[in-house]
């Protein structure tokens, strides 16, 4: 049994660090915008296993730092979180969802309906591309 709920930004940090930036100090995985975001946690058997941070600007929603505990990856929890974000954006009457996706995750996002843009960059040695989904 799992459920998704809003969580304080501090609760995202340990999982964010463990799965995305294991070589960085906890303080370095904080985003300057964290206090202005909406942070979601997916709980499975009362354990926080997936986190993501949402930032709305105008009619656009950017999600950042999606991370699932490695012990639970490839079991559909990340997909469940993305579907939740899509429904949330529709309820909020937003018209676009986007993210800076690691190139290694392009297939994951493509399967969920995201399209790669031509925008690519490298940050901390990791190649990224911007992926987006237009909403009706």
Protein backbone atom coordinates (compact mmCIF):
# COMPACT_ATOMS: atom_id res chain seq x y z
CA UNK A 1 0.00 0.00 0.00
CA UNK A 2 1.35 3.41 -0.92
CA UNK A 3 0.20 6.97 -0.73
CA UNK A 4 1.52 10.31 -1.91
CA UNK A 5 1.39 13.36 0.32
CA UNK A 6 2.92 16.78 0.66
CA UNK A 7 6.00 16.80 2.88
CA UNK A 8 8.32 19.51 4.25
CA UNK A 9 11.38 20.20 2.06
CA UNK A 10 13.76 18.80 4.70
CA UNK A 11 12.25 15.34 4.26
CA UNK A 12 13.37 15.23 0.61
CA UNK A 13 17.05 15.81 1.35
CA UNK A 14 18.35 12.44 2.56
CA UNK A 15 16.76 10.48 -0.30
CA UNK A 16 17.73 13.18 -2.80
CA UNK A 17 21.33 12.95 -1.62
CA UNK A 18 21.47 9.14 -1.41
CA UNK A 19 20.11 8.50 -4.91
CA UNK A 20 21.14 11.57 -6.94
CA UNK A 21 24.26 13.02 -5.31
CA UNK A 22 25.88 10.42 -3.05
CA UNK A 23 29.23 12.25 -3.13
CA UNK A 24 27.85 15.60 -1.95
CA UNK A 25 27.22 16.82 1.57
CA UNK A 26 23.56 17.03 2.58
CA UNK A 27 23.78 20.83 2.64
CA UNK A 28 24.84 20.84 -1.05
CA UNK A 29 21.70 19.01 -2.24
CA UNK A 30 19.40 21.78 -1.02
CA UNK A 31 17.89 24.02 -3.68
CA UNK A 32 17.73 27.75 -3.05
CA UNK A 33 14.09 27.55 -4.17
CA UNK A 34 13.15 24.68 -1.84
CA UNK A 35 11.20 26.93 0.52
CA UNK A 36 9.00 28.06 -2.39
CA UNK A 37 8.27 24.58 -3.76
CA UNK A 38 5.70 21.89 -3.21
CA UNK A 39 7.41 18.72 -2.05
CA UNK A 40 5.83 15.32 -2.42
CA UNK A 41 6.67 12.00 -0.87
CA UNK A 42 5.48 8.56 -1.85
CA UNK A 43 5.21 6.28 1.16
CA UNK A 44 5.22 2.50 0.78
CA UNK A 45 4.53 0.47 3.92
CA UNK A 46 5.01 3.67 5.94
CA UNK A 47 8.49 4.23 4.46
CA UNK A 48 9.36 7.30 2.38
CA UNK A 49 10.70 5.82 -0.86
CA UNK A 50 10.16 8.47 -3.57
CA UNK A 51 10.49 12.25 -3.39
CA UNK A 52 10.07 15.11 -5.85
CA UNK A 53 9.92 18.89 -5.69
CA UNK A 54 7.48 20.98 -7.75
CA UNK A 55 7.86 24.61 -8.79
CA UNK A 56 5.05 26.49 -10.54
CA UNK A 57 5.73 29.56 -12.66
CA UNK A 58 2.73 31.00 -14.46
CA UNK A 59 0.99 28.08 -16.20
CA UNK A 60 4.08 25.87 -16.16
CA UNK A 61 5.20 23.28 -13.60
CA UNK A 62 8.80 22.19 -13.31
CA UNK A 63 9.53 19.09 -11.26
CA UNK A 64 13.00 18.61 -9.86
CA UNK A 65 15.01 16.04 -7.96
CA UNK A 66 12.77 13.02 -8.52
CA UNK A 67 14.41 10.21 -6.57
CA UNK A 68 13.33 6.71 -5.60
CA UNK A 69 15.18 4.63 -3.04
CA UNK A 70 17.36 2.20 -5.01
CA UNK A 71 15.82 -0.76 -3.15
CA UNK A 72 12.46 0.13 -4.73
CA UNK A 73 13.48 1.22 -8.23
CA UNK A 74 12.00 -0.44 -11.32
CA UNK A 75 8.82 -1.29 -9.38
CA UNK A 76 6.59 1.52 -10.72
CA UNK A 77 6.89 4.00 -7.87
CA UNK A 78 8.53 6.71 -9.99
CA UNK A 79 5.86 6.19 -12.64
CA UNK A 80 3.17 6.51 -9.99
CA UNK A 81 4.69 9.80 -8.83
CA UNK A 82 4.86 11.21 -12.37
CA UNK A 83 1.22 10.29 -13.01
CA UNK A 84 0.30 12.03 -9.77
CA UNK A 85 2.19 15.16 -10.90
CA UNK A 86 0.39 15.12 -14.27
CA UNK A 87 -3.01 14.89 -12.54
CA UNK A 88 -2.01 17.63 -10.09
CA UNK A 89 -0.99 19.93 -12.97
CA UNK A 90 -4.29 19.29 -14.75
CA UNK A 91 -6.24 20.05 -11.57
CA UNK A 92 -4.30 23.30 -11.23
CA UNK A 93 -5.14 24.07 -14.90
CA UNK A 94 -1.49 24.31 -15.88
CA UNK A 95 -0.53 23.82 -19.52
CA UNK A 96 3.00 22.45 -19.36
CA UNK A 97 5.14 20.14 -17.21
CA UNK A 98 8.89 20.00 -17.69
CA UNK A 99 12.11 18.82 -16.12
CA UNK A 100 15.85 18.76 -16.54
CA UNK A 101 16.18 15.02 -17.13
CA UNK A 102 19.39 13.10 -16.91
CA UNK A 103 20.05 11.70 -20.37
CA UNK A 104 20.07 8.23 -18.80
CA UNK A 105 16.39 8.75 -17.82
CA UNK A 106 15.15 9.90 -21.24
CA UNK A 107 13.48 6.53 -21.95
CA UNK A 108 11.61 6.61 -18.64
CA UNK A 109 10.13 10.04 -19.32
CA UNK A 110 9.42 9.29 -23.00
CA UNK A 111 7.30 6.27 -22.00
CA UNK A 112 5.21 8.60 -19.83
CA UNK A 113 4.55 11.03 -22.69
CA UNK A 114 7.34 13.57 -22.26
CA UNK A 115 9.12 14.87 -25.35
CA UNK A 116 12.81 15.79 -25.46
CA UNK A 117 13.57 19.34 -26.50
CA UNK A 118 16.74 20.41 -28.30
CA UNK A 119 18.08 21.91 -25.07
CA UNK A 120 20.92 19.91 -23.54
CA UNK A 121 23.56 20.76 -20.96
CA UNK A 122 26.10 19.21 -18.63
CA UNK A 123 26.12 19.94 -14.91
CA UNK A 124 28.61 18.42 -12.48
CA UNK A 125 29.72 16.08 -15.26
CA UNK A 126 26.18 14.71 -15.79
CA UNK A 127 24.51 15.19 -19.21
CA UNK A 128 20.94 16.51 -19.08
CA UNK A 129 18.22 17.36 -21.55
CA UNK A 130 15.04 19.32 -21.04
CA UNK A 131 11.90 17.21 -21.44
CA UNK A 132 8.38 18.54 -21.44
CA UNK A 133 4.73 17.61 -21.75
CA UNK A 134 2.03 19.94 -23.04
CA UNK A 135 -1.32 19.54 -21.27
CA UNK A 136 -4.74 20.12 -22.80
